[in-house]
Amino acid sequence: KIMMRSVSMASFASTSSSTMNQAIDFHLTPVEREQFEEYRNHEGYLEKYGTALFAGWQKRYWKIRCKREFYLSYQKDEKANAKPNPLKIDLIKDLAKESEKKLTFNYNDERVFELRAKTSQERDKWVEALQFLIQVRDKIGDFTDERNISLGCYFKGGTPVERNTLTESDDGKLSTSGKKRKDKSYKHKNIGQEELRGVLDD
């Protein structure tokens, strides 16, 4: 059962990635696709101005990651186990260059970030990347519909199956027993629909 579950999750993560790549290929020109590949994994150190208890400039490691969702995240350093603070790129607005090395943006009307790079060239690279990815995210739209179609194929939501009657034989085959009901029930009860959505969001 554990092996079946792992394979299923990997399959849907792959489907989600494939859907995004198809959207990129469909909506972007060849030149834009090259830019997307250049910016989608951009990362490096920037200083963030803190306004809470420890005010002042704080060095943080920033990453752009574009999968099903587009994220800009920051963490204390570049170590793999450092806890990231993710920001959805489509919620970034009012992105602007400030002075020689600084940039600012409003995040979801909740907070204004003030960042500083080592050089103006580095600052310009971050601004170009974020501006471009904001436009791409808006251009290709949301993947929710495509993902739900894939999830629907897995769960067979419209198939009336007796609840809690899924059994597995010694050879690994799944079968159901008992009366069929009119209400909708998932074909596979060991994995929740929301749980799979969480996997696809990672």
N, C-alpha and C. Protein backbone atom coordinates (compact mmCIF):
# COMPACT_ATOMS: atom_id res chain seq x y z
N LYS A 1 0.82 -1.20 0.00
CA LYS A 1 0.00 0.00 0.00
C LYS A 1 0.86 1.26 0.00
N ILE A 2 1.95 1.23 0.78
CA ILE A 2 2.83 2.40 0.84
C ILE A 2 3.45 2.67 -0.51
N MET A 3 3.86 1.62 -1.20
CA MET A 3 4.46 1.80 -2.52
C MET A 3 3.45 2.38 -3.49
N MET A 4 2.21 1.91 -3.46
CA MET A 4 1.18 2.43 -4.35
C MET A 4 0.95 3.90 -4.10
N ARG A 5 0.94 4.33 -2.83
CA ARG A 5 0.71 5.71 -2.48
C ARG A 5 1.84 6.62 -2.99
N SER A 6 3.10 6.18 -2.82
CA SER A 6 4.23 6.99 -3.24
C SER A 6 4.25 7.18 -4.75
N VAL A 7 3.99 6.12 -5.48
CA VAL A 7 3.97 6.20 -6.94
C VAL A 7 2.88 7.15 -7.41
N SER A 8 1.71 7.09 -6.77
CA SER A 8 0.60 7.95 -7.16
C SER A 8 0.93 9.41 -6.97
N MET A 9 1.52 9.77 -5.82
CA MET A 9 1.87 11.16 -5.55
C MET A 9 2.92 11.67 -6.54
N ALA A 10 3.92 10.85 -6.82
CA ALA A 10 4.96 11.25 -7.77
C ALA A 10 4.35 11.48 -9.14
N SER A 11 3.39 10.63 -9.49
CA SER A 11 2.73 10.75 -10.79
C SER A 11 2.01 12.07 -10.92
N PHE A 12 1.30 12.50 -9.83
CA PHE A 12 0.54 13.74 -9.92
C PHE A 12 1.44 14.96 -9.85
N ALA A 13 2.55 14.88 -9.11
CA ALA A 13 3.51 15.98 -9.10
C ALA A 13 4.08 16.17 -10.50
N SER A 14 4.36 15.07 -11.19
CA SER A 14 4.87 15.12 -12.56
C SER A 14 3.83 15.70 -13.50
N THR A 15 2.55 15.33 -13.30
CA THR A 15 1.47 15.85 -14.13
C THR A 15 1.35 17.36 -13.99
N SER A 16 1.45 17.84 -12.74
CA SER A 16 1.35 19.27 -12.50
C SER A 16 2.47 20.03 -13.19
N SER A 17 3.70 19.51 -13.07
CA SER A 17 4.85 20.14 -13.72
C SER A 17 4.68 20.13 -15.22
N SER A 18 4.18 19.03 -15.77
CA SER A 18 3.96 18.93 -17.21
C SER A 18 2.93 19.93 -17.68
N THR A 19 1.86 20.13 -16.89
CA THR A 19 0.82 21.10 -17.24
C THR A 19 1.39 22.50 -17.31
N MET A 20 2.24 22.86 -16.34
CA MET A 20 2.85 24.18 -16.34
C MET A 20 3.75 24.37 -17.55
N ASN A 21 4.54 23.35 -17.87
CA ASN A 21 5.42 23.44 -19.03
C ASN A 21 4.63 23.58 -20.33
N GLN A 22 3.49 22.90 -20.41
CA GLN A 22 2.65 23.03 -21.60
C GLN A 22 2.11 24.45 -21.72
N ALA A 23 1.72 25.05 -20.58
CA ALA A 23 1.22 26.42 -20.60
C ALA A 23 2.31 27.39 -21.02
N ILE A 24 3.53 27.17 -20.54
CA ILE A 24 4.66 28.01 -20.92
C ILE A 24 4.91 27.92 -22.43
N ASP A 25 4.93 26.70 -22.95
CA ASP A 25 5.16 26.50 -24.38
C ASP A 25 4.07 27.15 -25.23
N PHE A 26 2.83 27.10 -24.73
CA PHE A 26 1.70 27.62 -25.51
C PHE A 26 1.65 29.14 -25.51
N HIS A 27 1.92 29.76 -24.36
CA HIS A 27 1.70 31.21 -24.21
C HIS A 27 2.93 32.06 -24.50
N LEU A 28 4.12 31.50 -24.40
CA LEU A 28 5.32 32.32 -24.54
C LEU A 28 6.02 32.09 -25.87
N THR A 29 6.65 33.14 -26.35
CA THR A 29 7.45 33.05 -27.56
C THR A 29 8.76 32.34 -27.22
N PRO A 30 9.51 31.89 -28.24
CA PRO A 30 10.81 31.26 -27.96
C PRO A 30 11.75 32.14 -27.15
N VAL A 31 11.77 33.43 -27.44
CA VAL A 31 12.63 34.36 -26.68
C VAL A 31 12.16 34.44 -25.24
N GLU A 32 10.85 34.52 -25.02
CA GLU A 32 10.30 34.59 -23.67
C GLU A 32 10.57 33.29 -22.89
N ARG A 33 10.55 32.17 -23.59
CA ARG A 33 10.83 30.89 -22.91
C ARG A 33 12.29 30.85 -22.44
N GLU A 34 13.19 31.41 -23.23
CA GLU A 34 14.60 31.48 -22.82
C GLU A 34 14.74 32.35 -21.58
N GLN A 35 14.03 33.49 -21.57
CA GLN A 35 14.07 34.37 -20.40
C GLN A 35 13.50 33.66 -19.17
N PHE A 36 12.43 32.92 -19.37
CA PHE A 36 11.80 32.19 -18.27
C PHE A 36 12.78 31.19 -17.66
N GLU A 37 13.48 30.45 -18.50
CA GLU A 37 14.45 29.48 -18.00
C GLU A 37 15.59 30.17 -17.26
N GLU A 38 15.93 31.37 -17.67
CA GLU A 38 17.00 32.12 -17.02
C GLU A 38 16.58 32.61 -15.63
N TYR A 39 15.31 33.04 -15.50
CA TYR A 39 14.85 33.67 -14.27
C TYR A 39 14.20 32.72 -13.27
N ARG A 40 13.72 31.57 -13.70
CA ARG A 40 12.87 30.73 -12.85
C ARG A 40 13.59 30.15 -11.62
N ASN A 41 14.93 30.11 -11.64
CA ASN A 41 15.70 29.62 -10.50
C ASN A 41 16.75 30.64 -10.04
N HIS A 42 16.45 31.91 -10.26
CA HIS A 42 17.38 32.96 -9.86
C HIS A 42 17.49 33.01 -8.33
N GLU A 43 18.70 33.20 -7.82
CA GLU A 43 18.89 33.25 -6.37
C GLU A 43 20.16 34.00 -6.02
N GLY A 44 20.25 34.43 -4.77
CA GLY A 44 21.44 35.13 -4.30
C GLY A 44 21.13 35.93 -3.04
N TYR A 45 22.16 36.56 -2.50
CA TYR A 45 21.99 37.34 -1.27
C TYR A 45 21.50 38.76 -1.57
N LEU A 46 20.56 39.20 -0.75
CA LEU A 46 20.09 40.58 -0.73
C LEU A 46 19.91 40.97 0.73
N GLU A 47 20.07 42.23 1.03
CA GLU A 47 19.79 42.72 2.38
C GLU A 47 18.34 43.17 2.46
N LYS A 48 17.70 42.81 3.54
CA LYS A 48 16.29 43.17 3.79
C LYS A 48 16.25 44.12 4.99
N TYR A 49 15.51 45.21 4.83
CA TYR A 49 15.40 46.14 5.95
C TYR A 49 14.30 45.67 6.89
N GLY A 50 14.68 45.38 8.13
CA GLY A 50 13.70 44.93 9.12
C GLY A 50 13.06 46.09 9.84
N THR A 51 11.78 45.97 10.10
CA THR A 51 11.04 47.06 10.76
C THR A 51 10.47 46.62 12.10
N ALA A 52 10.75 45.37 12.49
CA ALA A 52 10.19 44.86 13.75
C ALA A 52 11.16 45.16 14.90
N LEU A 53 11.31 44.19 15.79
CA LEU A 53 12.14 44.39 16.98
C LEU A 53 13.59 44.68 16.61
N PHE A 54 14.12 43.90 15.61
CA PHE A 54 15.49 44.11 15.18
C PHE A 54 15.50 44.90 13.87
N ALA A 55 15.34 46.20 14.00
CA ALA A 55 15.31 47.05 12.82
C ALA A 55 16.71 47.20 12.25
N GLY A 56 16.77 47.46 10.94
CA GLY A 56 18.05 47.63 10.28
C GLY A 56 18.20 46.64 9.13
N TRP A 57 19.33 46.68 8.47
CA TRP A 57 19.57 45.82 7.31
C TRP A 57 20.01 44.43 7.75
N GLN A 58 19.34 43.41 7.20
CA GLN A 58 19.61 42.02 7.54
C GLN A 58 19.90 41.25 6.25
N LYS A 59 21.04 40.55 6.24
CA LYS A 59 21.43 39.78 5.06
C LYS A 59 20.59 38.50 4.99
N ARG A 60 19.96 38.28 3.84
CA ARG A 60 19.13 37.09 3.64
C ARG A 60 19.40 36.49 2.27
N TYR A 61 19.20 35.16 2.17
CA TYR A 61 19.38 34.48 0.89
C TYR A 61 18.02 34.35 0.23
N TRP A 62 17.90 34.88 -1.01
CA TRP A 62 16.63 34.94 -1.72
C TRP A 62 16.63 33.96 -2.90
N LYS A 63 15.46 33.36 -3.15
CA LYS A 63 15.32 32.41 -4.25
C LYS A 63 14.03 32.67 -5.02
N ILE A 64 14.10 32.49 -6.32
CA ILE A 64 12.90 32.43 -7.16
C ILE A 64 12.73 30.98 -7.59
N ARG A 65 11.52 30.46 -7.42
CA ARG A 65 11.22 29.09 -7.84
C ARG A 65 9.87 29.09 -8.55
N CYS A 66 9.84 28.54 -9.76
CA CYS A 66 8.62 28.52 -10.56
C CYS A 66 8.24 27.08 -10.89
N LYS A 67 7.21 26.59 -10.21
CA LYS A 67 6.65 25.29 -10.51
C LYS A 67 5.18 25.52 -10.84
N ARG A 68 4.27 24.87 -10.07
CA ARG A 68 2.86 25.17 -10.32
C ARG A 68 2.55 26.59 -9.87
N GLU A 69 3.16 27.00 -8.76
CA GLU A 69 3.08 28.37 -8.30
C GLU A 69 4.44 29.03 -8.46
N PHE A 70 4.44 30.35 -8.58
CA PHE A 70 5.69 31.10 -8.69
C PHE A 70 5.97 31.73 -7.33
N TYR A 71 7.14 31.43 -6.77
CA TYR A 71 7.47 31.94 -5.44
C TYR A 71 8.79 32.69 -5.43
N LEU A 72 8.82 33.74 -4.59
CA LEU A 72 10.05 34.40 -4.19
C LEU A 72 10.15 34.11 -2.69
N SER A 73 11.25 33.53 -2.25
CA SER A 73 11.38 33.21 -0.83
C SER A 73 12.72 33.71 -0.30
N TYR A 74 12.78 33.89 1.01
CA TYR A 74 14.03 34.31 1.64
C TYR A 74 14.27 33.51 2.91
N GLN A 75 15.54 33.33 3.24
CA GLN A 75 15.95 32.57 4.42
C GLN A 75 17.27 33.13 4.93
N LYS A 76 17.69 32.69 6.12
CA LYS A 76 18.86 33.29 6.75
C LYS A 76 20.14 33.09 5.95
N ASP A 77 20.28 31.90 5.36
CA ASP A 77 21.48 31.63 4.55
C ASP A 77 21.11 30.65 3.45
N GLU A 78 22.10 30.23 2.67
CA GLU A 78 21.82 29.38 1.52
C GLU A 78 21.82 27.89 1.83
N LYS A 79 21.92 27.50 3.10
CA LYS A 79 21.89 26.09 3.46
C LYS A 79 20.54 25.48 3.12
N ALA A 80 20.58 24.22 2.69
CA ALA A 80 19.37 23.56 2.23
C ALA A 80 18.34 23.39 3.34
N ASN A 81 18.79 23.28 4.60
CA ASN A 81 17.84 23.06 5.70
C ASN A 81 17.35 24.35 6.34
N ALA A 82 17.74 25.50 5.80
CA ALA A 82 17.27 26.77 6.34
C ALA A 82 15.78 26.94 6.03
N LYS A 83 15.03 27.46 7.00
CA LYS A 83 13.59 27.61 6.84
C LYS A 83 13.28 28.78 5.90
N PRO A 84 12.58 28.54 4.79
CA PRO A 84 12.26 29.63 3.85
C PRO A 84 10.99 30.38 4.25
N ASN A 85 10.91 31.61 3.82
CA ASN A 85 9.71 32.43 3.99
C ASN A 85 9.17 32.73 2.59
N PRO A 86 8.18 31.98 2.12
CA PRO A 86 7.73 32.12 0.73
C PRO A 86 6.77 33.28 0.50
N LEU A 87 6.93 33.92 -0.63
CA LEU A 87 6.03 34.99 -1.08
C LEU A 87 5.56 34.64 -2.49
N LYS A 88 4.27 34.64 -2.71
CA LYS A 88 3.75 34.34 -4.04
C LYS A 88 4.01 35.53 -4.97
N ILE A 89 4.63 35.25 -6.08
CA ILE A 89 5.03 36.32 -7.00
C ILE A 89 3.83 37.08 -7.56
N ASP A 90 2.69 36.39 -7.76
CA ASP A 90 1.54 37.10 -8.32
C ASP A 90 0.88 38.04 -7.32
N LEU A 91 1.35 38.06 -6.06
CA LEU A 91 0.83 39.00 -5.06
C LEU A 91 1.77 40.18 -4.84
N ILE A 92 2.85 40.22 -5.63
CA ILE A 92 3.80 41.33 -5.56
C ILE A 92 3.35 42.45 -6.50
N LYS A 93 3.34 43.67 -6.01
CA LYS A 93 3.00 44.81 -6.86
C LYS A 93 3.82 46.03 -6.46
N ASP A 94 3.71 47.08 -7.25
CA ASP A 94 4.45 48.33 -7.01
C ASP A 94 5.96 48.08 -6.90
N LEU A 95 6.45 47.17 -7.73
CA LEU A 95 7.89 46.87 -7.75
C LEU A 95 8.62 48.07 -8.34
N ALA A 96 9.63 48.55 -7.63
CA ALA A 96 10.32 49.77 -8.09
C ALA A 96 11.77 49.77 -7.66
N LYS A 97 12.59 50.50 -8.43
CA LYS A 97 13.99 50.72 -8.07
C LYS A 97 14.06 51.97 -7.20
N GLU A 98 14.83 51.88 -6.13
CA GLU A 98 15.00 53.01 -5.22
C GLU A 98 16.49 53.27 -5.02
N SER A 99 16.90 54.49 -5.21
CA SER A 99 18.29 54.92 -5.09
C SER A 99 19.21 54.04 -5.95
N GLU A 100 20.46 53.86 -5.55
CA GLU A 100 21.42 53.19 -6.43
C GLU A 100 21.32 51.67 -6.41
N LYS A 101 21.11 51.06 -5.23
CA LYS A 101 21.15 49.61 -5.11
C LYS A 101 19.87 49.01 -4.52
N LYS A 102 18.88 49.80 -4.23
CA LYS A 102 17.71 49.31 -3.52
C LYS A 102 16.52 49.07 -4.45
N LEU A 103 15.65 48.17 -4.01
CA LEU A 103 14.38 47.95 -4.68
C LEU A 103 13.31 47.76 -3.61
N THR A 104 12.08 48.09 -3.95
CA THR A 104 10.97 47.94 -3.01
C THR A 104 9.78 47.31 -3.73
N PHE A 105 8.91 46.65 -2.94
CA PHE A 105 7.66 46.16 -3.49
C PHE A 105 6.64 45.98 -2.37
N ASN A 106 5.39 46.07 -2.77
CA ASN A 106 4.26 45.86 -1.86
C ASN A 106 3.82 44.41 -2.00
N TYR A 107 3.70 43.72 -0.87
CA TYR A 107 3.25 42.32 -0.92
C TYR A 107 1.84 42.20 -0.37
N ASN A 108 0.90 41.94 -1.28
CA ASN A 108 -0.49 41.64 -0.93
C ASN A 108 -1.12 42.73 -0.06
N ASP A 109 -0.68 43.96 -0.22
CA ASP A 109 -1.19 45.09 0.58
C ASP A 109 -1.04 44.86 2.08
N GLU A 110 -0.09 44.01 2.45
CA GLU A 110 0.14 43.70 3.86
C GLU A 110 1.49 44.22 4.36
N ARG A 111 2.45 44.29 3.46
CA ARG A 111 3.80 44.68 3.88
C ARG A 111 4.56 45.24 2.70
N VAL A 112 5.40 46.23 2.97
CA VAL A 112 6.28 46.78 1.95
C VAL A 112 7.70 46.29 2.25
N PHE A 113 8.30 45.60 1.28
CA PHE A 113 9.67 45.10 1.42
C PHE A 113 10.65 46.10 0.82
N GLU A 114 11.72 46.34 1.55
CA GLU A 114 12.81 47.20 1.08
C GLU A 114 14.08 46.35 1.06
N LEU A 115 14.64 46.14 -0.13
CA LEU A 115 15.79 45.27 -0.30
C LEU A 115 16.96 46.05 -0.88
N ARG A 116 18.17 45.54 -0.61
CA ARG A 116 19.37 46.21 -1.10
C ARG A 116 20.37 45.18 -1.62
N ALA A 117 20.85 45.39 -2.83
CA ALA A 117 21.84 44.50 -3.45
C ALA A 117 23.24 45.08 -3.28
N LYS A 118 24.25 44.27 -3.63
CA LYS A 118 25.63 44.74 -3.53
C LYS A 118 25.92 45.81 -4.57
N THR A 119 25.34 45.61 -5.77
CA THR A 119 25.57 46.54 -6.87
C THR A 119 24.24 46.90 -7.53
N SER A 120 24.24 47.96 -8.29
CA SER A 120 23.03 48.34 -9.02
C SER A 120 22.72 47.32 -10.11
N GLN A 121 23.77 46.67 -10.66
CA GLN A 121 23.55 45.66 -11.69
C GLN A 121 22.80 44.45 -11.11
N GLU A 122 23.18 44.02 -9.91
CA GLU A 122 22.48 42.93 -9.26
C GLU A 122 21.03 43.32 -8.96
N ARG A 123 20.84 44.54 -8.48
CA ARG A 123 19.48 45.03 -8.21
C ARG A 123 18.63 45.00 -9.48
N ASP A 124 19.21 45.46 -10.58
CA ASP A 124 18.48 45.49 -11.85
C ASP A 124 18.08 44.08 -12.31
N LYS A 125 18.96 43.11 -12.06
CA LYS A 125 18.67 41.72 -12.45
C LYS A 125 17.46 41.19 -11.68
N TRP A 126 17.40 41.46 -10.39
CA TRP A 126 16.25 41.02 -9.60
C TRP A 126 14.96 41.69 -10.05
N VAL A 127 15.03 42.97 -10.31
CA VAL A 127 13.83 43.69 -10.76
C VAL A 127 13.36 43.16 -12.11
N GLU A 128 14.28 42.94 -13.03
CA GLU A 128 13.92 42.41 -14.34
C GLU A 128 13.28 41.02 -14.22
N ALA A 129 13.87 40.17 -13.38
CA ALA A 129 13.34 38.83 -13.20
C ALA A 129 11.94 38.85 -12.62
N LEU A 130 11.72 39.63 -11.58
CA LEU A 130 10.40 39.69 -10.95
C LEU A 130 9.36 40.31 -11.86
N GLN A 131 9.72 41.39 -12.54
CA GLN A 131 8.78 42.02 -13.47
C GLN A 131 8.36 41.04 -14.56
N PHE A 132 9.32 40.32 -15.10
CA PHE A 132 9.03 39.37 -16.16
C PHE A 132 8.14 38.24 -15.66
N LEU A 133 8.44 37.68 -14.50
CA LEU A 133 7.67 36.55 -13.99
C LEU A 133 6.27 36.95 -13.53
N ILE A 134 6.12 38.17 -13.07
CA ILE A 134 4.77 38.68 -12.76
C ILE A 134 3.93 38.71 -14.02
N GLN A 135 4.52 39.17 -15.11
CA GLN A 135 3.81 39.21 -16.39
C GLN A 135 3.50 37.81 -16.91
N VAL A 136 4.47 36.89 -16.78
CA VAL A 136 4.26 35.52 -17.23
C VAL A 136 3.15 34.86 -16.44
N ARG A 137 3.16 35.04 -15.12
CA ARG A 137 2.15 34.41 -14.27
C ARG A 137 0.75 34.89 -14.65
N ASP A 138 0.65 36.16 -14.96
CA ASP A 138 -0.63 36.72 -15.38
C ASP A 138 -1.02 36.22 -16.76
N LYS A 139 -0.04 36.02 -17.60
CA LYS A 139 -0.29 35.61 -18.99
C LYS A 139 -0.76 34.16 -19.09
N ILE A 140 -0.16 33.28 -18.32
CA ILE A 140 -0.51 31.86 -18.44
C ILE A 140 -1.67 31.47 -17.54
N GLY A 141 -2.05 32.34 -16.61
CA GLY A 141 -3.23 32.06 -15.77
C GLY A 141 -2.97 31.02 -14.70
N ASP A 142 -4.09 30.42 -14.21
CA ASP A 142 -4.05 29.48 -13.11
C ASP A 142 -4.10 28.05 -13.65
N PHE A 143 -3.48 27.12 -12.92
CA PHE A 143 -3.48 25.71 -13.31
C PHE A 143 -4.53 24.91 -12.57
N THR A 144 -5.37 25.58 -11.78
CA THR A 144 -6.32 24.86 -10.93
C THR A 144 -7.23 23.95 -11.74
N ASP A 145 -7.75 24.44 -12.87
CA ASP A 145 -8.69 23.64 -13.66
C ASP A 145 -8.03 22.38 -14.19
N GLU A 146 -6.81 22.54 -14.75
CA GLU A 146 -6.12 21.38 -15.30
C GLU A 146 -5.79 20.38 -14.20
N ARG A 147 -5.40 20.88 -13.02
CA ARG A 147 -5.04 19.98 -11.93
C ARG A 147 -6.27 19.22 -11.44
N ASN A 148 -7.41 19.90 -11.34
CA ASN A 148 -8.61 19.22 -10.87
C ASN A 148 -9.07 18.14 -11.84
N ILE A 149 -8.83 18.36 -13.13
CA ILE A 149 -9.17 17.33 -14.11
C ILE A 149 -8.34 16.08 -13.83
N SER A 150 -7.03 16.27 -13.57
CA SER A 150 -6.17 15.13 -13.27
C SER A 150 -6.60 14.44 -11.99
N LEU A 151 -6.93 15.23 -10.96
CA LEU A 151 -7.38 14.65 -9.71
C LEU A 151 -8.68 13.87 -9.89
N GLY A 152 -9.57 14.42 -10.74
CA GLY A 152 -10.83 13.74 -10.98
C GLY A 152 -10.63 12.39 -11.63
N CYS A 153 -9.65 12.28 -12.52
CA CYS A 153 -9.37 10.99 -13.16
C CYS A 153 -8.90 9.97 -12.13
N TYR A 154 -8.20 10.44 -11.12
CA TYR A 154 -7.68 9.52 -10.11
C TYR A 154 -8.77 9.07 -9.14
N PHE A 155 -9.54 10.03 -8.65
CA PHE A 155 -10.51 9.71 -7.61
C PHE A 155 -11.82 9.14 -8.13
N LYS A 156 -12.12 9.34 -9.43
CA LYS A 156 -13.38 8.85 -9.98
C LYS A 156 -14.54 9.32 -9.11
N GLY A 157 -14.59 10.63 -8.87
CA GLY A 157 -15.56 11.18 -7.93
C GLY A 157 -17.00 10.87 -8.27
N GLY A 158 -17.32 10.64 -9.54
CA GLY A 158 -18.70 10.40 -9.91
C GLY A 158 -19.10 8.94 -9.86
N THR A 159 -18.17 8.06 -9.51
CA THR A 159 -18.48 6.64 -9.48
C THR A 159 -19.05 6.24 -8.13
N PRO A 160 -20.27 5.71 -8.06
CA PRO A 160 -20.84 5.33 -6.77
C PRO A 160 -20.18 4.06 -6.25
N VAL A 161 -19.42 4.17 -5.17
CA VAL A 161 -18.73 3.03 -4.57
C VAL A 161 -19.05 3.00 -3.08
N GLU A 162 -19.33 1.83 -2.57
CA GLU A 162 -19.64 1.70 -1.15
C GLU A 162 -18.47 2.20 -0.32
N ARG A 163 -18.71 3.06 0.66
CA ARG A 163 -17.65 3.60 1.50
C ARG A 163 -17.02 2.51 2.37
N ASN A 164 -15.68 2.66 2.56
CA ASN A 164 -14.92 1.79 3.45
C ASN A 164 -14.99 0.31 3.07
N THR A 165 -15.16 0.02 1.78
CA THR A 165 -15.22 -1.38 1.36
C THR A 165 -14.09 -1.72 0.40
N LEU A 166 -13.10 -0.84 0.31
CA LEU A 166 -11.97 -1.10 -0.59
C LEU A 166 -11.04 -2.12 0.05
N THR A 167 -10.73 -3.18 -0.66
CA THR A 167 -9.85 -4.23 -0.14
C THR A 167 -8.73 -4.49 -1.13
N GLU A 168 -7.65 -5.04 -0.61
CA GLU A 168 -6.49 -5.34 -1.46
C GLU A 168 -6.16 -6.82 -1.31
N SER A 169 -6.04 -7.50 -2.43
CA SER A 169 -5.73 -8.93 -2.42
C SER A 169 -4.24 -9.15 -2.26
N ASP A 170 -3.83 -10.41 -2.12
CA ASP A 170 -2.42 -10.74 -1.93
C ASP A 170 -1.56 -10.33 -3.12
N ASP A 171 -2.14 -10.30 -4.30
CA ASP A 171 -1.37 -9.93 -5.49
C ASP A 171 -1.37 -8.43 -5.73
N GLY A 172 -1.93 -7.67 -4.77
CA GLY A 172 -1.87 -6.21 -4.87
C GLY A 172 -3.03 -5.57 -5.59
N LYS A 173 -4.01 -6.34 -6.05
CA LYS A 173 -5.14 -5.78 -6.79
C LYS A 173 -6.18 -5.22 -5.81
N LEU A 174 -6.79 -4.08 -6.21
CA LEU A 174 -7.81 -3.45 -5.39
C LEU A 174 -9.19 -3.87 -5.88
N SER A 175 -10.11 -4.08 -4.94
CA SER A 175 -11.47 -4.43 -5.31
C SER A 175 -12.42 -3.89 -4.26
N THR A 176 -13.70 -3.79 -4.63
CA THR A 176 -14.70 -3.31 -3.69
C THR A 176 -15.74 -4.39 -3.48
N SER A 177 -16.39 -4.35 -2.35
CA SER A 177 -17.45 -5.31 -2.06
C SER A 177 -18.61 -4.59 -1.40
N GLY A 178 -19.77 -5.21 -1.40
CA GLY A 178 -20.92 -4.59 -0.77
C GLY A 178 -21.79 -3.87 -1.77
N LYS A 179 -22.85 -3.26 -1.25
CA LYS A 179 -23.81 -2.56 -2.10
C LYS A 179 -23.24 -1.26 -2.63
N LYS A 180 -23.65 -0.90 -3.83
CA LYS A 180 -23.29 0.39 -4.37
C LYS A 180 -24.27 1.43 -3.85
N ARG A 181 -23.73 2.65 -3.62
CA ARG A 181 -24.58 3.71 -3.11
C ARG A 181 -24.70 4.82 -4.14
N LYS A 182 -25.69 5.66 -3.95
CA LYS A 182 -25.92 6.73 -4.91
C LYS A 182 -25.01 7.93 -4.66
N ASP A 183 -24.52 8.08 -3.42
CA ASP A 183 -23.68 9.23 -3.15
C ASP A 183 -22.29 9.02 -3.71
N LYS A 184 -21.60 10.13 -3.94
CA LYS A 184 -20.26 10.06 -4.51
C LYS A 184 -19.27 9.64 -3.44
N SER A 185 -18.31 8.83 -3.84
CA SER A 185 -17.27 8.40 -2.91
C SER A 185 -15.98 8.20 -3.68
N TYR A 186 -14.84 8.51 -3.06
CA TYR A 186 -13.57 8.37 -3.74
C TYR A 186 -13.24 6.91 -3.96
N LYS A 187 -12.61 6.66 -5.07
CA LYS A 187 -12.25 5.28 -5.40
C LYS A 187 -11.17 4.77 -4.43
N HIS A 188 -10.18 5.64 -4.10
CA HIS A 188 -9.10 5.23 -3.21
C HIS A 188 -9.25 6.01 -1.90
N LYS A 189 -9.47 5.31 -0.79
CA LYS A 189 -9.75 5.96 0.47
C LYS A 189 -8.50 6.27 1.28
N ASN A 190 -7.34 5.71 0.88
CA ASN A 190 -6.16 5.87 1.71
C ASN A 190 -5.46 7.21 1.49
N ILE A 191 -5.84 7.97 0.46
CA ILE A 191 -5.22 9.27 0.20
C ILE A 191 -6.34 10.30 0.05
N GLY A 192 -6.23 11.39 0.78
CA GLY A 192 -7.25 12.43 0.70
C GLY A 192 -7.01 13.35 -0.48
N GLN A 193 -8.07 13.93 -1.00
CA GLN A 193 -7.96 14.84 -2.15
C GLN A 193 -7.17 16.08 -1.78
N GLU A 194 -7.42 16.62 -0.56
CA GLU A 194 -6.68 17.81 -0.14
C GLU A 194 -5.21 17.49 0.07
N GLU A 195 -4.92 16.26 0.53
CA GLU A 195 -3.53 15.86 0.74
C GLU A 195 -2.76 15.86 -0.57
N LEU A 196 -3.39 15.35 -1.63
CA LEU A 196 -2.73 15.35 -2.93
C LEU A 196 -2.54 16.76 -3.45
N ARG A 197 -3.53 17.65 -3.22
CA ARG A 197 -3.35 19.03 -3.64
C ARG A 197 -2.14 19.64 -2.96
N GLY A 198 -1.93 19.30 -1.68
CA GLY A 198 -0.76 19.80 -0.97
C GLY A 198 0.53 19.35 -1.60
N VAL A 199 0.56 18.09 -2.04
CA VAL A 199 1.75 17.56 -2.71
C VAL A 199 2.03 18.32 -3.99
N LEU A 200 0.98 18.62 -4.74
CA LEU A 200 1.15 19.32 -6.00
C LEU A 200 1.63 20.75 -5.78
N ASP A 201 1.28 21.35 -4.62
CA ASP A 201 1.69 22.72 -4.36
C ASP A 201 3.14 22.82 -3.97
N ASP A 202 3.77 21.73 -3.50
CA ASP A 202 5.15 21.78 -3.05
C ASP A 202 6.11 22.02 -4.19
